[in-house]
Amino acid sequence: MVYCPKCGKDNKEDTRYCVNCGSPLYENASVRAVREKRDECFGLPHGSAIFGLVFGLIIILFGARELLGWTIDFGPFIIIVIGILIVAGAIYGYTSRKS
């Protein structure tokens, strides 16, 4: 049995569309690629989560700097982190296309 991803109705194995709601039961490769591509940031899978973690860390460091009176300049740190993310995305994109 194949279950419909939209309504959950069980369908026969050879059915292409749900007998209940008419939704396609199998997505083609191009739709799957678009869905996977949407979850990228800086060319990395789940990159938006990585970017969120880095951005959160930067905010915490700025707060700690103010609270503890540190005299550290975080400008170069931010540039380095963004550069690392871009390079990692480029390397991942290059290696994922080769395989």
PDB file of N, CA and C in Angstrom:
ATOM      1  N   MET A   1       0.831  -1.194   0.000  1.00  0.00           N
ATOM      2  CA  MET A   1       0.000   0.000   0.000  1.00  0.00           C
ATOM      3  C   MET A   1       0.877   1.260   0.000  1.00  0.00           C
ATOM      4  N   VAL A   2       0.366   2.267  -0.658  1.00  0.00           N
ATOM      5  CA  VAL A   2       1.037   3.560  -0.700  1.00  0.00           C
ATOM      6  C   VAL A   2       0.106   4.566  -0.040  1.00  0.00           C
ATOM      7  N   TYR A   3       0.634   5.296   0.925  1.00  0.00           N
ATOM      8  CA  TYR A   3      -0.166   6.289   1.628  1.00  0.00           C
ATOM      9  C   TYR A   3       0.013   7.659   0.984  1.00  0.00           C
ATOM     10  N   CYS A   4      -1.073   8.375   0.858  1.00  0.00           N
ATOM     11  CA  CYS A   4      -1.051   9.713   0.266  1.00  0.00           C
ATOM     12  C   CYS A   4      -0.354  10.679   1.222  1.00  0.00           C
ATOM     13  N   PRO A   5       0.620  11.462   0.733  1.00  0.00           N
ATOM     14  CA  PRO A   5       1.306  12.411   1.614  1.00  0.00           C
ATOM     15  C   PRO A   5       0.417  13.587   2.018  1.00  0.00           C
ATOM     16  N   LYS A   6      -0.689  13.798   1.301  1.00  0.00           N
ATOM     17  CA  LYS A   6      -1.558  14.936   1.597  1.00  0.00           C
ATOM     18  C   LYS A   6      -2.680  14.568   2.562  1.00  0.00           C
ATOM     19  N   CYS A   7      -3.419  13.479   2.256  1.00  0.00           N
ATOM     20  CA  CYS A   7      -4.592  13.151   3.080  1.00  0.00           C
ATOM     21  C   CYS A   7      -4.419  11.883   3.909  1.00  0.00           C
ATOM     22  N   GLY A   8      -3.390  11.062   3.603  1.00  0.00           N
ATOM     23  CA  GLY A   8      -3.127   9.861   4.385  1.00  0.00           C
ATOM     24  C   GLY A   8      -3.887   8.629   3.934  1.00  0.00           C
ATOM     25  N   LYS A   9      -4.689   8.731   2.910  1.00  0.00           N
ATOM     26  CA  LYS A   9      -5.465   7.590   2.405  1.00  0.00           C
ATOM     27  C   LYS A   9      -4.520   6.541   1.828  1.00  0.00           C
ATOM     28  N   ASP A  10      -4.822   5.247   2.107  1.00  0.00           N
ATOM     29  CA  ASP A  10      -3.998   4.193   1.521  1.00  0.00           C
ATOM     30  C   ASP A  10      -4.503   3.866   0.121  1.00  0.00           C
ATOM     31  N   ASN A  11      -3.558   3.696  -0.801  1.00  0.00           N
ATOM     32  CA  ASN A  11      -3.843   3.443  -2.207  1.00  0.00           C
ATOM     33  C   ASN A  11      -3.096   2.193  -2.644  1.00  0.00           C
ATOM     34  N   LYS A  12      -3.518   1.608  -3.762  1.00  0.00           N
ATOM     35  CA  LYS A  12      -2.828   0.445  -4.315  1.00  0.00           C
ATOM     36  C   LYS A  12      -1.441   0.852  -4.812  1.00  0.00           C
ATOM     37  N   GLU A  13      -0.525  -0.102  -4.865  1.00  0.00           N
ATOM     38  CA  GLU A  13       0.863   0.167  -5.251  1.00  0.00           C
ATOM     39  C   GLU A  13       1.000   0.803  -6.629  1.00  0.00           C
ATOM     40  N   ASP A  14       0.192   0.391  -7.594  1.00  0.00           N
ATOM     41  CA  ASP A  14       0.352   0.879  -8.961  1.00  0.00           C
ATOM     42  C   ASP A  14      -0.402   2.177  -9.238  1.00  0.00           C
ATOM     43  N   THR A  15      -1.024   2.762  -8.218  1.00  0.00           N
ATOM     44  CA  THR A  15      -1.771   4.007  -8.373  1.00  0.00           C
ATOM     45  C   THR A  15      -0.817   5.189  -8.341  1.00  0.00           C
ATOM     46  N   ARG A  16      -0.977   6.098  -9.296  1.00  0.00           N
ATOM     47  CA  ARG A  16      -0.104   7.275  -9.354  1.00  0.00           C
ATOM     48  C   ARG A  16      -0.689   8.461  -8.607  1.00  0.00           C
ATOM     49  N   TYR A  17      -2.011   8.532  -8.539  1.00  0.00           N
ATOM     50  CA  TYR A  17      -2.694   9.638  -7.879  1.00  0.00           C
ATOM     51  C   TYR A  17      -3.626   9.091  -6.810  1.00  0.00           C
ATOM     52  N   CYS A  18      -3.798   9.821  -5.747  1.00  0.00           N
ATOM     53  CA  CYS A  18      -4.636   9.402  -4.629  1.00  0.00           C
ATOM     54  C   CYS A  18      -6.088   9.256  -5.085  1.00  0.00           C
ATOM     55  N   VAL A  19      -6.718   8.143  -4.677  1.00  0.00           N
ATOM     56  CA  VAL A  19      -8.116   7.924  -5.035  1.00  0.00           C
ATOM     57  C   VAL A  19      -9.044   8.823  -4.223  1.00  0.00           C
ATOM     58  N   ASN A  20      -8.557   9.375  -3.124  1.00  0.00           N
ATOM     59  CA  ASN A  20      -9.380  10.219  -2.263  1.00  0.00           C
ATOM     60  C   ASN A  20      -9.301  11.705  -2.646  1.00  0.00           C
ATOM     61  N   CYS A  21      -8.072  12.232  -2.785  1.00  0.00           N
ATOM     62  CA  CYS A  21      -7.926  13.683  -3.015  1.00  0.00           C
ATOM     63  C   CYS A  21      -7.307  14.020  -4.369  1.00  0.00           C
ATOM     64  N   GLY A  22      -6.773  13.036  -5.090  1.00  0.00           N
ATOM     65  CA  GLY A  22      -6.209  13.288  -6.409  1.00  0.00           C
ATOM     66  C   GLY A  22      -4.774  13.789  -6.421  1.00  0.00           C
ATOM     67  N   SER A  23      -4.144  13.876  -5.276  1.00  0.00           N
ATOM     68  CA  SER A  23      -2.751  14.340  -5.208  1.00  0.00           C
ATOM     69  C   SER A  23      -1.815  13.283  -5.774  1.00  0.00           C
ATOM     70  N   PRO A  24      -0.706  13.711  -6.406  1.00  0.00           N
ATOM     71  CA  PRO A  24       0.254  12.718  -6.895  1.00  0.00           C
ATOM     72  C   PRO A  24       0.889  11.985  -5.714  1.00  0.00           C
ATOM     73  N   LEU A  25       1.019  10.665  -5.853  1.00  0.00           N
ATOM     74  CA  LEU A  25       1.591   9.854  -4.777  1.00  0.00           C
ATOM     75  C   LEU A  25       3.108   9.804  -4.829  1.00  0.00           C
ATOM     76  N   TYR A  26       3.675  10.067  -5.997  1.00  0.00           N
ATOM     77  CA  TYR A  26       5.128  10.041  -6.163  1.00  0.00           C
ATOM     78  C   TYR A  26       5.565  11.368  -6.747  1.00  0.00           C
ATOM     79  N   GLU A  27       6.515  12.019  -6.115  1.00  0.00           N
ATOM     80  CA  GLU A  27       7.028  13.269  -6.671  1.00  0.00           C
ATOM     81  C   GLU A  27       8.194  12.962  -7.595  1.00  0.00           C
ATOM     82  N   ASN A  28       8.318  13.765  -8.639  1.00  0.00           N
ATOM     83  CA  ASN A  28       9.423  13.512  -9.565  1.00  0.00           C
ATOM     84  C   ASN A  28      10.717  14.113  -9.034  1.00  0.00           C
ATOM     85  N   ALA A  29      11.814  13.782  -9.662  1.00  0.00           N
ATOM     86  CA  ALA A  29      13.144  14.177  -9.178  1.00  0.00           C
ATOM     87  C   ALA A  29      13.335  15.686  -9.175  1.00  0.00           C
ATOM     88  N   SER A  30      12.750  16.408 -10.143  1.00  0.00           N
ATOM     89  CA  SER A  30      12.942  17.862 -10.183  1.00  0.00           C
ATOM     90  C   SER A  30      12.243  18.539  -9.022  1.00  0.00           C
ATOM     91  N   VAL A  31      11.064  18.054  -8.635  1.00  0.00           N
ATOM     92  CA  VAL A  31      10.369  18.629  -7.477  1.00  0.00           C
ATOM     93  C   VAL A  31      11.164  18.364  -6.211  1.00  0.00           C
ATOM     94  N   ARG A  32      11.708  17.146  -6.083  1.00  0.00           N
ATOM     95  CA  ARG A  32      12.504  16.809  -4.915  1.00  0.00           C
ATOM     96  C   ARG A  32      13.748  17.675  -4.843  1.00  0.00           C
ATOM     97  N   ALA A  33      14.382  17.948  -5.985  1.00  0.00           N
ATOM     98  CA  ALA A  33      15.595  18.780  -6.012  1.00  0.00           C
ATOM     99  C   ALA A  33      15.279  20.204  -5.590  1.00  0.00           C
ATOM    100  N   VAL A  34      14.128  20.728  -6.023  1.00  0.00           N
ATOM    101  CA  VAL A  34      13.741  22.089  -5.633  1.00  0.00           C
ATOM    102  C   VAL A  34      13.499  22.150  -4.135  1.00  0.00           C
ATOM    103  N   ARG A  35      12.834  21.138  -3.583  1.00  0.00           N
ATOM    104  CA  ARG A  35      12.588  21.128  -2.136  1.00  0.00           C
ATOM    105  C   ARG A  35      13.886  21.054  -1.355  1.00  0.00           C
ATOM    106  N   GLU A  36      14.828  20.226  -1.815  1.00  0.00           N
ATOM    107  CA  GLU A  36      16.110  20.129  -1.130  1.00  0.00           C
ATOM    108  C   GLU A  36      16.900  21.419  -1.266  1.00  0.00           C
ATOM    109  N   LYS A  37      16.812  22.082  -2.401  1.00  0.00           N
ATOM    110  CA  LYS A  37      17.555  23.322  -2.644  1.00  0.00           C
ATOM    111  C   LYS A  37      17.054  24.440  -1.729  1.00  0.00           C
ATOM    112  N   ARG A  38      15.756  24.453  -1.422  1.00  0.00           N
ATOM    113  CA  ARG A  38      15.195  25.503  -0.575  1.00  0.00           C
ATOM    114  C   ARG A  38      15.777  25.491   0.823  1.00  0.00           C
ATOM    115  N   ASP A  39      16.262  24.342   1.253  1.00  0.00           N
ATOM    116  CA  ASP A  39      16.777  24.224   2.606  1.00  0.00           C
ATOM    117  C   ASP A  39      18.271  24.521   2.675  1.00  0.00           C
ATOM    118  N   GLU A  40      18.767  25.298   1.707  1.00  0.00           N
ATOM    119  CA  GLU A  40      20.176  25.640   1.688  1.00  0.00           C
ATOM    120  C   GLU A  40      20.369  27.133   1.934  1.00  0.00           C
ATOM    121  N   CYS A  41      21.448  27.446   2.597  1.00  0.00           N
ATOM    122  CA  CYS A  41      21.870  28.828   2.809  1.00  0.00           C
ATOM    123  C   CYS A  41      23.386  28.798   2.738  1.00  0.00           C
ATOM    124  N   PHE A  42      23.969  29.705   2.009  1.00  0.00           N
ATOM    125  CA  PHE A  42      25.403  29.698   1.733  1.00  0.00           C
ATOM    126  C   PHE A  42      25.793  28.425   0.988  1.00  0.00           C
ATOM    127  N   GLY A  43      24.827  27.789   0.287  1.00  0.00           N
ATOM    128  CA  GLY A  43      25.111  26.578  -0.457  1.00  0.00           C
ATOM    129  C   GLY A  43      25.241  25.337   0.399  1.00  0.00           C
ATOM    130  N   LEU A  44      24.959  25.438   1.683  1.00  0.00           N
ATOM    131  CA  LEU A  44      25.072  24.297   2.590  1.00  0.00           C
ATOM    132  C   LEU A  44      23.689  23.770   2.941  1.00  0.00           C
ATOM    133  N   PRO A  45      23.537  22.443   3.012  1.00  0.00           N
ATOM    134  CA  PRO A  45      22.253  21.927   3.468  1.00  0.00           C
ATOM    135  C   PRO A  45      22.036  22.329   4.920  1.00  0.00           C
ATOM    136  N   HIS A  46      20.862  22.740   5.218  1.00  0.00           N
ATOM    137  CA  HIS A  46      20.514  23.246   6.549  1.00  0.00           C
ATOM    138  C   HIS A  46      21.375  24.447   6.920  1.00  0.00           C
ATOM    139  N   GLY A  47      21.811  25.167   5.912  1.00  0.00           N
ATOM    140  CA  GLY A  47      22.674  26.328   6.127  1.00  0.00           C
ATOM    141  C   GLY A  47      21.988  27.437   6.885  1.00  0.00           C
ATOM    142  N   SER A  48      20.660  27.514   6.750  1.00  0.00           N
ATOM    143  CA  SER A  48      19.950  28.548   7.500  1.00  0.00           C
ATOM    144  C   SER A  48      20.063  28.289   8.996  1.00  0.00           C
ATOM    145  N   ALA A  49      20.076  27.016   9.397  1.00  0.00           N
ATOM    146  CA  ALA A  49      20.262  26.696  10.812  1.00  0.00           C
ATOM    147  C   ALA A  49      21.679  27.043  11.248  1.00  0.00           C
ATOM    148  N   ILE A  50      22.648  26.741  10.375  1.00  0.00           N
ATOM    149  CA  ILE A  50      24.043  27.085  10.684  1.00  0.00           C
ATOM    150  C   ILE A  50      24.186  28.591  10.813  1.00  0.00           C
ATOM    151  N   PHE A  51      23.578  29.331   9.865  1.00  0.00           N
ATOM    152  CA  PHE A  51      23.652  30.788   9.913  1.00  0.00           C
ATOM    153  C   PHE A  51      22.979  31.310  11.182  1.00  0.00           C
ATOM    154  N   GLY A  52      21.859  30.716  11.561  1.00  0.00           N
ATOM    155  CA  GLY A  52      21.176  31.129  12.793  1.00  0.00           C
ATOM    156  C   GLY A  52      22.030  30.907  14.018  1.00  0.00           C
ATOM    157  N   LEU A  53      22.713  29.773  14.062  1.00  0.00           N
ATOM    158  CA  LEU A  53      23.599  29.500  15.194  1.00  0.00           C
ATOM    159  C   LEU A  53      24.752  30.494  15.253  1.00  0.00           C
ATOM    160  N   VAL A  54      25.330  30.775  14.102  1.00  0.00           N
ATOM    161  CA  VAL A  54      26.453  31.724  14.062  1.00  0.00           C
ATOM    162  C   VAL A  54      25.973  33.109  14.460  1.00  0.00           C
ATOM    163  N   PHE A  55      24.820  33.519  13.926  1.00  0.00           N
ATOM    164  CA  PHE A  55      24.281  34.844  14.267  1.00  0.00           C
ATOM    165  C   PHE A  55      23.966  34.932  15.756  1.00  0.00           C
ATOM    166  N   GLY A  56      23.392  33.860  16.320  1.00  0.00           N
ATOM    167  CA  GLY A  56      23.116  33.833  17.756  1.00  0.00           C
ATOM    168  C   GLY A  56      24.389  33.919  18.572  1.00  0.00           C
ATOM    169  N   LEU A  57      25.426  33.222  18.141  1.00  0.00           N
ATOM    170  CA  LEU A  57      26.716  33.271  18.839  1.00  0.00           C
ATOM    171  C   LEU A  57      27.305  34.680  18.807  1.00  0.00           C
ATOM    172  N   ILE A  58      27.168  35.341  17.675  1.00  0.00           N
ATOM    173  CA  ILE A  58      27.681  36.705  17.557  1.00  0.00           C
ATOM    174  C   ILE A  58      26.937  37.633  18.519  1.00  0.00           C
ATOM    175  N   ILE A  59      25.632  37.487  18.605  1.00  0.00           N
ATOM    176  CA  ILE A  59      24.853  38.318  19.529  1.00  0.00           C
ATOM    177  C   ILE A  59      25.269  38.053  20.973  1.00  0.00           C
ATOM    178  N   ILE A  60      25.463  36.780  21.317  1.00  0.00           N
ATOM    179  CA  ILE A  60      25.907  36.441  22.676  1.00  0.00           C
ATOM    180  C   ILE A  60      27.268  37.066  22.965  1.00  0.00           C
ATOM    181  N   LEU A  61      28.185  37.008  21.996  1.00  0.00           N
ATOM    182  CA  LEU A  61      29.511  37.595  22.206  1.00  0.00           C
ATOM    183  C   LEU A  61      29.434  39.111  22.357  1.00  0.00           C
ATOM    184  N   PHE A  62      28.578  39.765  21.575  1.00  0.00           N
ATOM    185  CA  PHE A  62      28.404  41.213  21.742  1.00  0.00           C
ATOM    186  C   PHE A  62      27.860  41.537  23.128  1.00  0.00           C
ATOM    187  N   GLY A  63      26.895  40.753  23.582  1.00  0.00           N
ATOM    188  CA  GLY A  63      26.348  40.970  24.927  1.00  0.00           C
ATOM    189  C   GLY A  63      27.394  40.752  26.007  1.00  0.00           C
ATOM    190  N   ALA A  64      28.176  39.685  25.864  1.00  0.00           N
ATOM    191  CA  ALA A  64      29.228  39.396  26.840  1.00  0.00           C
ATOM    192  C   ALA A  64      30.281  40.500  26.840  1.00  0.00           C
ATOM    193  N   ARG A  65      30.570  41.040  25.644  1.00  0.00           N
ATOM    194  CA  ARG A  65      31.550  42.126  25.556  1.00  0.00           C
ATOM    195  C   ARG A  65      31.064  43.342  26.337  1.00  0.00           C
ATOM    196  N   GLU A  66      29.797  43.676  26.184  1.00  0.00           N
ATOM    197  CA  GLU A  66      29.241  44.829  26.905  1.00  0.00           C
ATOM    198  C   GLU A  66      29.165  44.564  28.404  1.00  0.00           C
ATOM    199  N   LEU A  67      28.736  43.359  28.764  1.00  0.00           N
ATOM    200  CA  LEU A  67      28.560  43.014  30.168  1.00  0.00           C
ATOM    201  C   LEU A  67      29.889  42.934  30.910  1.00  0.00           C
ATOM    202  N   LEU A  68      30.888  42.354  30.276  1.00  0.00           N
ATOM    203  CA  LEU A  68      32.173  42.130  30.935  1.00  0.00           C
ATOM    204  C   LEU A  68      33.212  43.199  30.633  1.00  0.00           C
ATOM    205  N   GLY A  69      32.868  44.146  29.775  1.00  0.00           N
ATOM    206  CA  GLY A  69      33.787  45.230  29.473  1.00  0.00           C
ATOM    207  C   GLY A  69      34.959  44.826  28.596  1.00  0.00           C
ATOM    208  N   TRP A  70      34.772  43.789  27.779  1.00  0.00           N
ATOM    209  CA  TRP A  70      35.847  43.381  26.870  1.00  0.00           C
ATOM    210  C   TRP A  70      36.099  44.468  25.844  1.00  0.00           C
ATOM    211  N   THR A  71      37.328  44.556  25.384  1.00  0.00           N
ATOM    212  CA  THR A  71      37.670  45.539  24.353  1.00  0.00           C
ATOM    213  C   THR A  71      37.986  44.848  23.025  1.00  0.00           C
ATOM    214  N   ILE A  72      37.286  43.764  22.766  1.00  0.00           N
ATOM    215  CA  ILE A  72      37.515  42.979  21.545  1.00  0.00           C
ATOM    216  C   ILE A  72      36.671  43.570  20.416  1.00  0.00           C
ATOM    217  N   ASP A  73      37.283  43.731  19.241  1.00  0.00           N
ATOM    218  CA  ASP A  73      36.560  44.188  18.063  1.00  0.00           C
ATOM    219  C   ASP A  73      36.074  42.957  17.291  1.00  0.00           C
ATOM    220  N   PHE A  74      34.753  42.805  17.185  1.00  0.00           N
ATOM    221  CA  PHE A  74      34.188  41.625  16.537  1.00  0.00           C
ATOM    222  C   PHE A  74      33.992  41.785  15.041  1.00  0.00           C
ATOM    223  N   GLY A  75      34.291  42.932  14.473  1.00  0.00           N
ATOM    224  CA  GLY A  75      34.133  43.138  13.033  1.00  0.00           C
ATOM    225  C   GLY A  75      34.890  42.119  12.200  1.00  0.00           C
ATOM    226  N   PRO A  76      36.198  41.952  12.442  1.00  0.00           N
ATOM    227  CA  PRO A  76      36.944  40.942  11.680  1.00  0.00           C
ATOM    228  C   PRO A  76      36.431  39.526  11.925  1.00  0.00           C
ATOM    229  N   PHE A  77      35.993  39.236  13.134  1.00  0.00           N
ATOM    230  CA  PHE A  77      35.444  37.921  13.456  1.00  0.00           C
ATOM    231  C   PHE A  77      34.216  37.622  12.595  1.00  0.00           C
ATOM    232  N   ILE A  78      33.332  38.587  12.450  1.00  0.00           N
ATOM    233  CA  ILE A  78      32.118  38.415  11.651  1.00  0.00           C
ATOM    234  C   ILE A  78      32.481  38.183  10.183  1.00  0.00           C
ATOM    235  N   ILE A  79      33.424  38.948   9.671  1.00  0.00           N
ATOM    236  CA  ILE A  79      33.846  38.787   8.275  1.00  0.00           C
ATOM    237  C   ILE A  79      34.450  37.402   8.048  1.00  0.00           C
ATOM    238  N   ILE A  80      35.260  36.932   8.975  1.00  0.00           N
ATOM    239  CA  ILE A  80      35.876  35.608   8.853  1.00  0.00           C
ATOM    240  C   ILE A  80      34.808  34.516   8.868  1.00  0.00           C
ATOM    241  N   VAL A  81      33.837  34.609   9.757  1.00  0.00           N
ATOM    242  CA  VAL A  81      32.780  33.594   9.841  1.00  0.00           C
ATOM    243  C   VAL A  81      31.970  33.551   8.555  1.00  0.00           C
ATOM    244  N   ILE A  82      31.585  34.685   8.029  1.00  0.00           N
ATOM    245  CA  ILE A  82      30.829  34.717   6.770  1.00  0.00           C
ATOM    246  C   ILE A  82      31.678  34.155   5.631  1.00  0.00           C
ATOM    247  N   GLY A  83      32.949  34.490   5.604  1.00  0.00           N
ATOM    248  CA  GLY A  83      33.841  33.935   4.593  1.00  0.00           C
ATOM    249  C   GLY A  83      33.957  32.421   4.688  1.00  0.00           C
ATOM    250  N   ILE A  84      34.044  31.895   5.893  1.00  0.00           N
ATOM    251  CA  ILE A  84      34.116  30.442   6.087  1.00  0.00           C
ATOM    252  C   ILE A  84      32.837  29.781   5.590  1.00  0.00           C
ATOM    253  N   LEU A  85      31.683  30.373   5.880  1.00  0.00           N
ATOM    254  CA  LEU A  85      30.416  29.822   5.414  1.00  0.00           C
ATOM    255  C   LEU A  85      30.339  29.802   3.890  1.00  0.00           C
ATOM    256  N   ILE A  86      30.797  30.857   3.255  1.00  0.00           N
ATOM    257  CA  ILE A  86      30.765  30.925   1.786  1.00  0.00           C
ATOM    258  C   ILE A  86      31.708  29.888   1.177  1.00  0.00           C
ATOM    259  N   VAL A  87      32.908  29.769   1.719  1.00  0.00           N
ATOM    260  CA  VAL A  87      33.870  28.782   1.217  1.00  0.00           C
ATOM    261  C   VAL A  87      33.345  27.361   1.442  1.00  0.00           C
ATOM    262  N   ALA A  88      32.781  27.089   2.602  1.00  0.00           N
ATOM    263  CA  ALA A  88      32.232  25.761   2.880  1.00  0.00           C
ATOM    264  C   ALA A  88      31.091  25.435   1.923  1.00  0.00           C
ATOM    265  N   GLY A  89      30.246  26.420   1.628  1.00  0.00           N
ATOM    266  CA  GLY A  89      29.159  26.212   0.673  1.00  0.00           C
ATOM    267  C   GLY A  89      29.676  25.932  -0.725  1.00  0.00           C
ATOM    268  N   ALA A  90      30.728  26.636  -1.122  1.00  0.00           N
ATOM    269  CA  ALA A  90      31.310  26.405  -2.449  1.00  0.00           C
ATOM    270  C   ALA A  90      31.926  25.015  -2.536  1.00  0.00           C
ATOM    271  N   ILE A  91      32.630  24.606  -1.497  1.00  0.00           N
ATOM    272  CA  ILE A  91      33.238  23.270  -1.490  1.00  0.00           C
ATOM    273  C   ILE A  91      32.154  22.202  -1.506  1.00  0.00           C
ATOM    274  N   TYR A  92      31.111  22.365  -0.705  1.00  0.00           N
ATOM    275  CA  TYR A  92      30.026  21.394  -0.680  1.00  0.00           C
ATOM    276  C   TYR A  92      29.336  21.320  -2.042  1.00  0.00           C
ATOM    277  N   GLY A  93      29.065  22.460  -2.656  1.00  0.00           N
ATOM    278  CA  GLY A  93      28.428  22.475  -3.968  1.00  0.00           C
ATOM    279  C   GLY A  93      29.274  21.801  -5.025  1.00  0.00           C
ATOM    280  N   TYR A  94      30.562  22.021  -4.982  1.00  0.00           N
ATOM    281  CA  TYR A  94      31.461  21.403  -5.957  1.00  0.00           C
ATOM    282  C   TYR A  94      31.507  19.893  -5.778  1.00  0.00           C
ATOM    283  N   THR A  95      31.646  19.430  -4.542  1.00  0.00           N
ATOM    284  CA  THR A  95      31.745  17.999  -4.308  1.00  0.00           C
ATOM    285  C   THR A  95      30.423  17.286  -4.513  1.00  0.00           C
ATOM    286  N   SER A  96      29.293  17.933  -4.239  1.00  0.00           N
ATOM    287  CA  SER A  96      28.005  17.261  -4.420  1.00  0.00           C
ATOM    288  C   SER A  96      27.651  17.143  -5.897  1.00  0.00           C
ATOM    289  N   ARG A  97      28.142  18.036  -6.767  1.00  0.00           N
ATOM    290  CA  ARG A  97      27.876  17.942  -8.202  1.00  0.00           C
ATOM    291  C   ARG A  97      28.726  16.878  -8.871  1.00  0.00           C
ATOM    292  N   LYS A  98      29.889  16.586  -8.307  1.00  0.00           N
ATOM    293  CA  LYS A  98      30.783  15.589  -8.912  1.00  0.00           C
ATOM    294  C   LYS A  98      30.247  14.180  -8.721  1.00  0.00           C
ATOM    295  N   SER A  99      29.523  13.925  -7.648  1.00  0.00           N
ATOM    296  CA  SER A  99      29.059  12.547  -7.376  1.00  0.00           C
ATOM    297  C   SER A  99      27.737  12.260  -8.007  1.00  0.00           C
TER     298      SER A  99
END
